[in-house]
């Protein structure tokens, strides 16, 4: 059974990206937003891991700068969106309550507005 959430250390193990780099990328890439516990610990979903892998590919394999990778992902959201859709489809999630669904939808709307309009 697939897990729903992964710690920052587990994401480091899966992606080879160090925790400090993951934290930095969260600030630089608006589409990378892991959830947080009440204590502030990061909880990464499969979608977040797929986004990290897309960023890693642009940065390491294609030699983009952080700014260039951010612009590339913003200009062509399909680079990460398709990975995320596939990850979310593959996840075996327990049904969420209506409040959680609404919260996720609001977050997606904010993310889309930011990508399309360049603002919040």
C-alpha atoms as a PDB file:
ATOM      1  CA  UNK A   1       0.000   0.000   0.000  1.00  0.00           C
ATOM      2  CA  UNK A   2       1.301   3.448  -0.895  1.00  0.00           C
ATOM      3  CA  UNK A   3       1.792   5.909   1.907  1.00  0.00           C
ATOM      4  CA  UNK A   4       0.031   9.232   1.868  1.00  0.00           C
ATOM      5  CA  UNK A   5       2.739  11.321   3.524  1.00  0.00           C
ATOM      6  CA  UNK A   6       6.534  11.244   3.690  1.00  0.00           C
ATOM      7  CA  UNK A   7       8.941  13.090   5.981  1.00  0.00           C
ATOM      8  CA  UNK A   8      11.609  15.393   4.603  1.00  0.00           C
ATOM      9  CA  UNK A   9      14.232  12.707   5.331  1.00  0.00           C
ATOM     10  CA  UNK A  10      12.258  10.123   3.372  1.00  0.00           C
ATOM     11  CA  UNK A  11      11.960  12.532   0.443  1.00  0.00           C
ATOM     12  CA  UNK A  12      15.723  13.069   0.600  1.00  0.00           C
ATOM     13  CA  UNK A  13      16.176   9.295   0.396  1.00  0.00           C
ATOM     14  CA  UNK A  14      13.812   8.988  -2.575  1.00  0.00           C
ATOM     15  CA  UNK A  15      15.123  11.973  -4.559  1.00  0.00           C
ATOM     16  CA  UNK A  16      18.727  12.493  -3.485  1.00  0.00           C
ATOM     17  CA  UNK A  17      17.946  16.152  -2.709  1.00  0.00           C
ATOM     18  CA  UNK A  18      19.197  17.359   0.681  1.00  0.00           C
ATOM     19  CA  UNK A  19      16.685  18.754   3.226  1.00  0.00           C
ATOM     20  CA  UNK A  20      18.113  22.284   3.097  1.00  0.00           C
ATOM     21  CA  UNK A  21      17.723  22.286  -0.698  1.00  0.00           C
ATOM     22  CA  UNK A  22      14.122  21.056  -0.400  1.00  0.00           C
ATOM     23  CA  UNK A  23      13.358  23.871   2.051  1.00  0.00           C
ATOM     24  CA  UNK A  24      14.957  26.392  -0.306  1.00  0.00           C
ATOM     25  CA  UNK A  25      13.005  25.064  -3.288  1.00  0.00           C
ATOM     26  CA  UNK A  26       9.762  25.455  -1.315  1.00  0.00           C
ATOM     27  CA  UNK A  27      10.478  29.191  -1.202  1.00  0.00           C
ATOM     28  CA  UNK A  28      11.439  29.399  -4.875  1.00  0.00           C
ATOM     29  CA  UNK A  29       8.849  27.172  -6.550  1.00  0.00           C
ATOM     30  CA  UNK A  30       5.215  28.070  -5.777  1.00  0.00           C
ATOM     31  CA  UNK A  31       3.935  24.683  -6.907  1.00  0.00           C
ATOM     32  CA  UNK A  32       5.991  22.869  -4.227  1.00  0.00           C
ATOM     33  CA  UNK A  33       3.962  23.191  -1.041  1.00  0.00           C
ATOM     34  CA  UNK A  34       4.121  20.228   1.336  1.00  0.00           C
ATOM     35  CA  UNK A  35       1.597  20.146   4.129  1.00  0.00           C
ATOM     36  CA  UNK A  36       2.624  20.895   7.700  1.00  0.00           C
ATOM     37  CA  UNK A  37       1.744  19.311  11.013  1.00  0.00           C
ATOM     38  CA  UNK A  38       0.664  21.519  13.892  1.00  0.00           C
ATOM     39  CA  UNK A  39       4.264  21.271  15.092  1.00  0.00           C
ATOM     40  CA  UNK A  40       5.470  22.602  11.728  1.00  0.00           C
ATOM     41  CA  UNK A  41       6.955  19.376  10.358  1.00  0.00           C
ATOM     42  CA  UNK A  42       6.687  18.955   6.619  1.00  0.00           C
ATOM     43  CA  UNK A  43       4.514  16.218   5.157  1.00  0.00           C
ATOM     44  CA  UNK A  44       5.250  15.525   1.505  1.00  0.00           C
ATOM     45  CA  UNK A  45       2.739  13.758  -0.727  1.00  0.00           C
ATOM     46  CA  UNK A  46       3.540  11.815  -3.897  1.00  0.00           C
ATOM     47  CA  UNK A  47       2.621  14.942  -5.875  1.00  0.00           C
ATOM     48  CA  UNK A  48       5.286  16.920  -4.000  1.00  0.00           C
ATOM     49  CA  UNK A  49       7.884  14.247  -4.684  1.00  0.00           C
ATOM     50  CA  UNK A  50       7.021  14.316  -8.399  1.00  0.00           C
ATOM     51  CA  UNK A  51       7.457  18.098  -8.430  1.00  0.00           C
ATOM     52  CA  UNK A  52      10.832  17.732  -6.688  1.00  0.00           C
ATOM     53  CA  UNK A  53      11.869  15.230  -9.361  1.00  0.00           C
ATOM     54  CA  UNK A  54      10.773  17.615 -12.138  1.00  0.00           C
ATOM     55  CA  UNK A  55      12.787  20.444 -10.556  1.00  0.00           C
ATOM     56  CA  UNK A  56      15.779  18.153 -10.102  1.00  0.00           C
ATOM     57  CA  UNK A  57      15.615  17.136 -13.764  1.00  0.00           C
ATOM     58  CA  UNK A  58      15.593  20.767 -14.895  1.00  0.00           C
ATOM     59  CA  UNK A  59      18.353  21.797 -12.495  1.00  0.00           C
ATOM     60  CA  UNK A  60      20.713  18.845 -12.788  1.00  0.00           C
ATOM     61  CA  UNK A  61      20.049  17.207 -16.149  1.00  0.00           C
ATOM     62  CA  UNK A  62      19.084  20.248 -18.201  1.00  0.00           C
ATOM     63  CA  UNK A  63      21.325  22.692 -16.276  1.00  0.00           C
ATOM     64  CA  UNK A  64      18.675  25.338 -15.602  1.00  0.00           C
ATOM     65  CA  UNK A  65      19.280  27.971 -12.934  1.00  0.00           C
ATOM     66  CA  UNK A  66      16.688  28.168 -10.145  1.00  0.00           C
ATOM     67  CA  UNK A  67      15.169  31.206 -11.843  1.00  0.00           C
ATOM     68  CA  UNK A  68      15.186  29.476 -15.225  1.00  0.00           C
ATOM     69  CA  UNK A  69      13.620  26.299 -13.831  1.00  0.00           C
ATOM     70  CA  UNK A  70      10.933  28.313 -12.032  1.00  0.00           C
ATOM     71  CA  UNK A  71      10.142  30.208 -15.242  1.00  0.00           C
ATOM     72  CA  UNK A  72      10.109  26.992 -17.292  1.00  0.00           C
ATOM     73  CA  UNK A  73       7.719  25.279 -14.878  1.00  0.00           C
ATOM     74  CA  UNK A  74       5.509  28.384 -14.755  1.00  0.00           C
ATOM     75  CA  UNK A  75       5.464  28.753 -18.552  1.00  0.00           C
ATOM     76  CA  UNK A  76       4.739  25.071 -19.112  1.00  0.00           C
ATOM     77  CA  UNK A  77       2.866  23.685 -16.095  1.00  0.00           C
ATOM     78  CA  UNK A  78       2.388  20.399 -17.957  1.00  0.00           C
ATOM     79  CA  UNK A  79       6.026  19.604 -17.080  1.00  0.00           C
ATOM     80  CA  UNK A  80       4.999  19.089 -13.479  1.00  0.00           C
ATOM     81  CA  UNK A  81       1.208  18.888 -13.687  1.00  0.00           C
ATOM     82  CA  UNK A  82       1.227  15.617 -15.636  1.00  0.00           C
ATOM     83  CA  UNK A  83       3.618  14.098 -13.104  1.00  0.00           C
ATOM     84  CA  UNK A  84       1.381  15.257 -10.265  1.00  0.00           C
ATOM     85  CA  UNK A  85      -1.820  13.960 -11.865  1.00  0.00           C
ATOM     86  CA  UNK A  86      -0.176  10.576 -12.403  1.00  0.00           C
ATOM     87  CA  UNK A  87       1.078  10.543  -8.811  1.00  0.00           C
ATOM     88  CA  UNK A  88      -2.305  11.475  -7.379  1.00  0.00           C
ATOM     89  CA  UNK A  89      -4.064   8.885  -9.529  1.00  0.00           C
ATOM     90  CA  UNK A  90      -1.633   6.234  -8.332  1.00  0.00           C
ATOM     91  CA  UNK A  91      -2.007   7.160  -4.672  1.00  0.00           C
ATOM     92  CA  UNK A  92      -4.392   5.005  -2.722  1.00  0.00           C
ATOM     93  CA  UNK A  93      -5.838   7.706  -0.530  1.00  0.00           C
ATOM     94  CA  UNK A  94      -8.557   7.342   1.996  1.00  0.00           C
ATOM     95  CA  UNK A  95     -11.560   9.520   1.217  1.00  0.00           C
ATOM     96  CA  UNK A  96     -11.126  13.042   2.506  1.00  0.00           C
ATOM     97  CA  UNK A  97     -13.784  14.981   4.328  1.00  0.00           C
ATOM     98  CA  UNK A  98     -15.485  17.895   2.580  1.00  0.00           C
ATOM     99  CA  UNK A  99     -13.489  20.466   4.557  1.00  0.00           C
ATOM    100  CA  UNK A 100     -10.178  18.962   3.434  1.00  0.00           C
ATOM    101  CA  UNK A 101     -11.356  18.778  -0.173  1.00  0.00           C
ATOM    102  CA  UNK A 102     -12.373  22.454  -0.100  1.00  0.00           C
ATOM    103  CA  UNK A 103      -9.039  23.426   1.448  1.00  0.00           C
ATOM    104  CA  UNK A 104      -7.143  21.574  -1.301  1.00  0.00           C
ATOM    105  CA  UNK A 105      -9.301  23.143  -4.005  1.00  0.00           C
ATOM    106  CA  UNK A 106      -8.689  26.634  -2.611  1.00  0.00           C
ATOM    107  CA  UNK A 107      -4.964  25.938  -2.588  1.00  0.00           C
ATOM    108  CA  UNK A 108      -5.082  24.777  -6.198  1.00  0.00           C
ATOM    109  CA  UNK A 109      -7.035  27.877  -7.197  1.00  0.00           C
ATOM    110  CA  UNK A 110      -4.468  30.158  -5.547  1.00  0.00           C
ATOM    111  CA  UNK A 111      -1.697  28.211  -7.279  1.00  0.00           C
ATOM    112  CA  UNK A 112      -3.405  28.498 -10.667  1.00  0.00           C
ATOM    113  CA  UNK A 113      -3.999  32.230 -10.211  1.00  0.00           C
ATOM    114  CA  UNK A 114      -0.358  32.696  -9.321  1.00  0.00           C
ATOM    115  CA  UNK A 115       0.774  30.759 -12.389  1.00  0.00           C
ATOM    116  CA  UNK A 116      -1.631  32.363 -14.842  1.00  0.00           C
ATOM    117  CA  UNK A 117      -1.740  35.902 -13.520  1.00  0.00           C
ATOM    118  CA  UNK A 118       1.671  36.158 -11.939  1.00  0.00           C
ATOM    119  CA  UNK A 119       0.111  37.264  -8.664  1.00  0.00           C
ATOM    120  CA  UNK A 120      -1.859  35.967  -5.739  1.00  0.00           C
END
